[in-house]
Amino acid sequence: MRSFSLLALCCFSPLSFAADVPGSQDLPIVPRMADAQIVDYRPVAELERIYPLGSIRKISGQLRFDGQVSARGTATSVTYELPAEHSSIDAFTAARESLQKQDAQLLFWCQARDCGESSLWANDVFGNAKLYGADDRQAYLLLRLAAPRDNTLVALYSITRGNRKAYLHVEQFEAAAPLGDLLPTSATLLRELKSTGELDFPQLTGEPDETWLRLISRGLNLDTTLRVSVSGPKAEAWRQALIGRGVRTARMEAGSVEGSGLHLELLR
């Protein structure tokens, strides 16, 4: 059986379709799935943008979430209606894999009810009623592109509506000023590890960094059934430091993956 990645690659097409809304176009960083149609397109506009880094909810009429990225810059977005033979999560996964191949960093990733209410994402975050659907059939991901484009964010949101129509929303945001340090959530690290089988931190070449140590240990301890191998120039120092943060010794073993920085691999 062909792998999903190969299937996704075969399903992409750079062509435009007659059914696309007038004046619309694809964003070059994310290829479209074959036979998908652009049903909403918003050209470059300057604005202040807030991207949630947590499940969203409303309290006393105010949108609430645990963290956020807030910046001024320019945003462009495109919304695709997907062909019946592909689900919204198919398109979401293919887009994520394409961006990760470009070394984009995952900042926040949620799926289904872990994201909060779909109506809030559709209306309050993206201002697009087409994106309102079932809470258990949604996914959201915020990524940061690799240097030298590290002041660019990409937001992905996929949803399947009650009428079974599926959509993928892609938004590209170019910050007007440097974004500075942005860190992923621990839950996002865990989701990435379980989905891709590995976590790669090429920037972590030295002794354990307290900030990253906290994020990684918390992520690993969100699912205490997982075991990983630890590789890198300071792998043993990281392993001992993670043990000191409560990750059980039996869950980690020495790895042999060569690279410039810390690398964790899921042991199946």
Protein backbone atom coordinates (compact mmCIF):
# COMPACT_ATOMS: atom_id res chain seq x y z
CA MET A 1 0.00 0.00 0.00
CA ARG A 2 1.32 3.42 -0.88
CA SER A 3 2.21 5.69 2.01
CA PHE A 4 0.02 8.70 2.78
CA SER A 5 2.91 11.04 1.98
CA LEU A 6 3.18 9.60 -1.53
CA LEU A 7 -0.58 9.83 -1.96
CA ALA A 8 -0.57 13.44 -0.80
CA LEU A 9 2.25 14.29 -3.18
CA CYS A 10 0.35 12.79 -6.08
CA CYS A 11 -2.78 14.72 -5.14
CA PHE A 12 -1.20 18.16 -5.34
CA SER A 13 -1.59 20.34 -8.40
CA PRO A 14 -0.38 23.91 -9.05
CA LEU A 15 -3.16 24.57 -11.54
CA SER A 16 -6.02 26.98 -11.02
CA PHE A 17 -9.62 25.95 -11.65
CA ALA A 18 -12.46 27.78 -13.33
CA ALA A 19 -14.55 27.45 -10.17
CA ASP A 20 -12.10 29.51 -8.10
CA VAL A 21 -13.41 32.85 -6.88
CA PRO A 22 -12.35 35.63 -9.28
CA GLY A 23 -8.93 37.16 -8.64
CA SER A 24 -7.81 34.41 -6.29
CA GLN A 25 -4.54 32.51 -6.35
CA ASP A 26 -2.67 29.87 -4.37
CA LEU A 27 -0.07 30.74 -1.75
CA PRO A 28 3.28 29.44 -3.10
CA ILE A 29 4.33 27.93 0.23
CA VAL A 30 1.43 25.43 0.34
CA PRO A 31 0.50 23.53 -2.86
CA ARG A 32 -3.17 22.88 -3.38
CA MET A 33 -4.73 19.44 -3.34
CA ALA A 34 -5.93 18.28 -6.76
CA ASP A 35 -9.50 19.29 -7.56
CA ALA A 36 -9.74 21.60 -4.55
CA GLN A 37 -11.47 24.93 -5.30
CA ILE A 38 -10.79 28.35 -3.83
CA VAL A 39 -14.01 29.57 -2.24
CA ASP A 40 -12.60 32.52 -0.30
CA TYR A 41 -9.53 34.65 -1.01
CA ARG A 42 -8.28 37.69 0.87
CA PRO A 43 -5.39 39.53 -0.77
CA VAL A 44 -2.56 41.25 1.09
CA ALA A 45 -3.86 43.56 3.80
CA GLU A 46 -2.08 45.37 6.60
CA LEU A 47 -3.47 44.66 10.05
CA GLU A 48 -2.81 43.79 13.68
CA ARG A 49 -3.06 40.01 14.00
CA ILE A 50 -3.48 37.76 17.02
CA TYR A 51 -2.94 34.01 16.67
CA PRO A 52 -4.00 31.82 19.61
CA LEU A 53 -1.52 29.39 21.17
CA GLY A 54 -4.16 27.47 23.11
CA SER A 55 -7.71 26.19 23.13
CA ILE A 56 -10.13 29.09 22.68
CA ARG A 57 -13.26 29.91 24.65
CA LYS A 58 -15.43 32.90 25.43
CA ILE A 59 -15.84 34.23 28.96
CA SER A 60 -18.15 37.22 29.54
CA GLY A 61 -18.11 37.92 25.82
CA GLN A 62 -14.31 38.01 25.61
CA LEU A 63 -12.21 35.53 23.65
CA ARG A 64 -9.77 33.69 25.94
CA PHE A 65 -6.78 31.42 25.30
CA ASP A 66 -3.66 30.44 27.22
CA GLY A 67 -1.12 32.13 24.93
CA GLN A 68 -0.87 34.11 21.73
CA VAL A 69 1.36 35.61 19.07
CA SER A 70 0.46 39.23 18.45
CA ALA A 71 2.07 41.41 15.76
CA ARG A 72 1.40 43.97 13.07
CA GLY A 73 2.07 43.10 9.46
CA THR A 74 0.43 41.93 6.26
CA ALA A 75 -1.79 38.88 5.86
CA THR A 76 -3.01 36.91 2.85
CA SER A 77 -5.43 33.99 3.10
CA VAL A 78 -7.03 31.38 0.89
CA THR A 79 -9.80 28.92 1.72
CA TYR A 80 -10.22 25.70 -0.26
CA GLU A 81 -13.28 23.51 -0.56
CA LEU A 82 -11.95 19.99 -0.87
CA PRO A 83 -13.12 17.28 -3.27
CA ALA A 84 -15.43 14.65 -1.78
CA GLU A 85 -12.79 11.93 -1.89
CA HIS A 86 -10.49 13.79 0.54
CA SER A 87 -11.18 14.67 4.15
CA SER A 88 -10.24 17.92 5.81
CA ILE A 89 -7.60 16.11 7.89
CA ASP A 90 -6.06 14.68 4.68
CA ALA A 91 -5.52 18.21 3.37
CA PHE A 92 -4.37 19.50 6.75
CA THR A 93 -1.78 16.71 7.11
CA ALA A 94 -0.47 17.15 3.58
CA ALA A 95 -0.10 20.92 4.09
CA ARG A 96 1.66 20.40 7.43
CA GLU A 97 4.07 17.87 5.95
CA SER A 98 4.86 20.23 3.06
CA LEU A 99 5.68 23.07 5.46
CA GLN A 100 7.76 20.82 7.72
CA LYS A 101 9.83 19.76 4.72
CA GLN A 102 10.66 23.48 4.44
CA ASP A 103 11.89 23.35 8.09
CA ALA A 104 8.98 25.37 9.44
CA GLN A 105 8.71 25.28 13.24
CA LEU A 106 5.45 24.13 14.81
CA LEU A 107 4.25 26.55 17.50
CA PHE A 108 0.76 25.34 18.36
CA TRP A 109 -1.19 22.36 17.09
CA CYS A 110 -4.60 21.19 18.25
CA GLN A 111 -7.23 18.85 16.90
CA ALA A 112 -10.92 18.19 17.51
CA ARG A 113 -12.37 19.40 20.82
CA ASP A 114 -8.89 20.24 22.13
CA CYS A 115 -9.13 23.38 19.96
CA GLY A 116 -12.29 24.71 21.58
CA GLU A 117 -15.41 25.75 19.67
CA SER A 118 -15.26 25.79 15.89
CA SER A 119 -17.63 28.77 15.79
CA LEU A 120 -15.02 30.87 17.62
CA TRP A 121 -12.25 29.91 15.19
CA ALA A 122 -14.49 30.63 12.21
CA ASN A 123 -16.01 33.91 13.33
CA ASP A 124 -13.63 35.45 15.89
CA VAL A 125 -10.20 34.28 14.70
CA PHE A 126 -10.54 33.99 10.92
CA GLY A 127 -13.73 35.98 10.25
CA ASN A 128 -14.95 33.37 7.78
CA ALA A 129 -18.32 31.69 8.37
CA LYS A 130 -17.48 28.94 5.87
CA LEU A 131 -15.11 27.53 8.48
CA TYR A 132 -17.83 26.79 11.04
CA GLY A 133 -18.35 23.06 11.48
CA ALA A 134 -18.20 20.15 13.89
CA ASP A 135 -15.93 20.71 16.90
CA ASP A 136 -14.65 17.13 16.69
CA ARG A 137 -13.68 17.49 13.00
CA GLN A 138 -11.37 20.51 13.14
CA ALA A 139 -7.62 21.06 13.33
CA TYR A 140 -5.47 24.17 13.76
CA LEU A 141 -1.75 24.68 13.41
CA LEU A 142 0.46 27.77 13.66
CA LEU A 143 3.94 27.52 12.18
CA ARG A 144 6.94 29.82 11.82
CA LEU A 145 8.98 29.60 8.63
CA ALA A 146 12.70 28.93 8.82
CA ALA A 147 15.31 31.69 8.54
CA PRO A 148 15.71 33.92 6.65
CA ARG A 149 11.89 34.02 6.51
CA ASP A 150 11.46 33.60 10.26
CA ASN A 151 9.25 36.69 10.54
CA THR A 152 6.60 34.82 8.54
CA LEU A 153 3.83 32.82 10.21
CA VAL A 154 1.49 30.35 8.55
CA ALA A 155 -1.83 29.33 10.07
CA LEU A 156 -3.67 26.21 8.91
CA TYR A 157 -7.26 25.46 9.87
CA SER A 158 -9.27 22.53 8.55
CA ILE A 159 -12.91 21.73 9.19
CA THR A 160 -15.69 19.42 8.04
CA ARG A 161 -19.15 21.00 8.15
CA GLY A 162 -22.41 19.29 9.05
CA ASN A 163 -23.20 18.90 5.33
CA ARG A 164 -19.94 16.91 5.00
CA LYS A 165 -18.22 19.59 2.96
CA ALA A 166 -14.57 19.88 3.95
CA TYR A 167 -12.40 22.99 3.92
CA LEU A 168 -8.77 23.96 4.41
CA HIS A 169 -7.89 27.55 5.31
CA VAL A 170 -4.32 28.78 4.81
CA GLU A 171 -3.19 32.18 6.08
CA GLN A 172 0.27 33.69 5.59
CA PHE A 173 1.32 36.56 7.83
CA GLU A 174 4.44 38.70 7.30
CA ALA A 175 5.34 40.56 10.50
CA ALA A 176 6.48 44.15 10.09
CA ALA A 177 9.04 43.80 12.93
CA PRO A 178 11.14 40.86 14.17
CA LEU A 179 9.02 38.30 16.01
CA GLY A 180 11.78 37.43 18.48
CA ASP A 181 11.76 34.15 20.39
CA LEU A 182 8.65 32.02 19.91
CA LEU A 183 8.36 28.68 21.67
CA PRO A 184 6.05 25.74 20.99
CA THR A 185 3.70 24.46 23.65
CA SER A 186 4.52 21.19 25.40
CA ALA A 187 1.32 19.62 24.07
CA THR A 188 2.36 20.56 20.54
CA LEU A 189 5.74 18.84 21.00
CA LEU A 190 3.95 15.71 22.15
CA ARG A 191 1.51 15.78 19.22
CA GLU A 192 4.41 16.26 16.79
CA LEU A 193 6.34 13.36 18.36
CA LYS A 194 3.35 11.01 18.17
CA SER A 195 2.45 12.08 14.61
CA THR A 196 5.90 12.20 12.98
CA GLY A 197 7.83 9.84 15.25
CA GLU A 198 10.57 12.33 16.07
CA LEU A 199 11.50 15.73 17.44
CA ASP A 200 14.52 17.53 16.04
CA PHE A 201 16.16 20.52 17.74
CA PRO A 202 19.19 21.50 15.62
CA GLN A 203 19.69 24.66 17.68
CA LEU A 204 20.17 22.71 20.94
CA THR A 205 23.84 21.83 20.51
CA GLY A 206 25.13 22.47 24.03
CA GLU A 207 24.28 21.67 27.62
CA PRO A 208 20.58 21.39 28.55
CA ASP A 209 18.75 24.70 28.24
CA GLU A 210 16.32 25.32 31.11
CA THR A 211 13.52 26.70 28.96
CA TRP A 212 13.60 23.86 26.45
CA LEU A 213 14.16 21.31 29.20
CA ARG A 214 10.92 22.42 30.83
CA LEU A 215 8.96 22.29 27.56
CA ILE A 216 10.29 18.88 26.50
CA SER A 217 9.91 17.22 29.91
CA ARG A 218 6.35 18.48 30.25
CA GLY A 219 5.54 17.20 26.77
CA LEU A 220 6.96 13.74 27.49
CA ASN A 221 5.13 13.55 30.81
CA LEU A 222 1.78 14.27 29.16
CA ASP A 223 1.89 10.64 27.95
CA THR A 224 3.91 8.46 30.28
CA THR A 225 3.46 5.37 28.07
CA LEU A 226 5.83 6.67 25.38
CA ARG A 227 9.48 5.68 25.14
CA VAL A 228 12.10 7.65 23.18
CA SER A 229 15.73 7.49 22.16
CA VAL A 230 17.88 10.56 22.79
CA SER A 231 20.64 11.52 20.34
CA GLY A 232 22.94 14.49 19.87
CA PRO A 233 26.30 15.93 20.97
CA LYS A 234 25.08 16.28 24.57
CA ALA A 235 22.55 13.46 24.53
CA GLU A 236 23.52 11.95 27.88
CA ALA A 237 23.43 15.33 29.60
CA TRP A 238 19.92 15.91 28.21
CA ARG A 239 18.81 12.42 29.23
CA GLN A 240 19.99 12.95 32.80
CA ALA A 241 18.41 16.40 32.92
CA LEU A 242 15.08 15.01 31.70
CA ILE A 243 15.26 12.32 34.37
CA GLY A 244 15.79 15.12 36.88
CA ARG A 245 12.59 16.71 35.58
CA GLY A 246 10.54 13.59 36.26
CA VAL A 247 10.80 11.61 33.01
CA ARG A 248 11.34 7.99 34.09
CA THR A 249 14.73 6.48 33.21
CA ALA A 250 13.10 3.42 31.64
CA ARG A 251 11.37 5.65 29.07
CA MET A 252 14.63 6.91 27.50
CA GLU A 253 17.57 5.19 25.91
CA ALA A 254 20.68 6.36 24.10
CA GLY A 255 20.15 6.95 20.40
CA SER A 256 22.50 6.86 17.44
CA VAL A 257 21.04 9.53 15.13
CA GLU A 258 23.78 11.86 13.95
CA GLY A 259 23.10 15.57 13.81
CA SER A 260 24.13 18.97 15.09
CA GLY A 261 21.60 19.15 17.93
CA LEU A 262 19.25 17.26 20.21
CA HIS A 263 17.10 14.60 18.54
CA LEU A 264 14.32 12.51 20.10
CA GLU A 265 12.89 9.49 18.31
CA LEU A 266 9.77 7.59 19.30
CA LEU A 267 10.42 3.94 20.10
CA ARG A 268 7.57 1.85 18.72
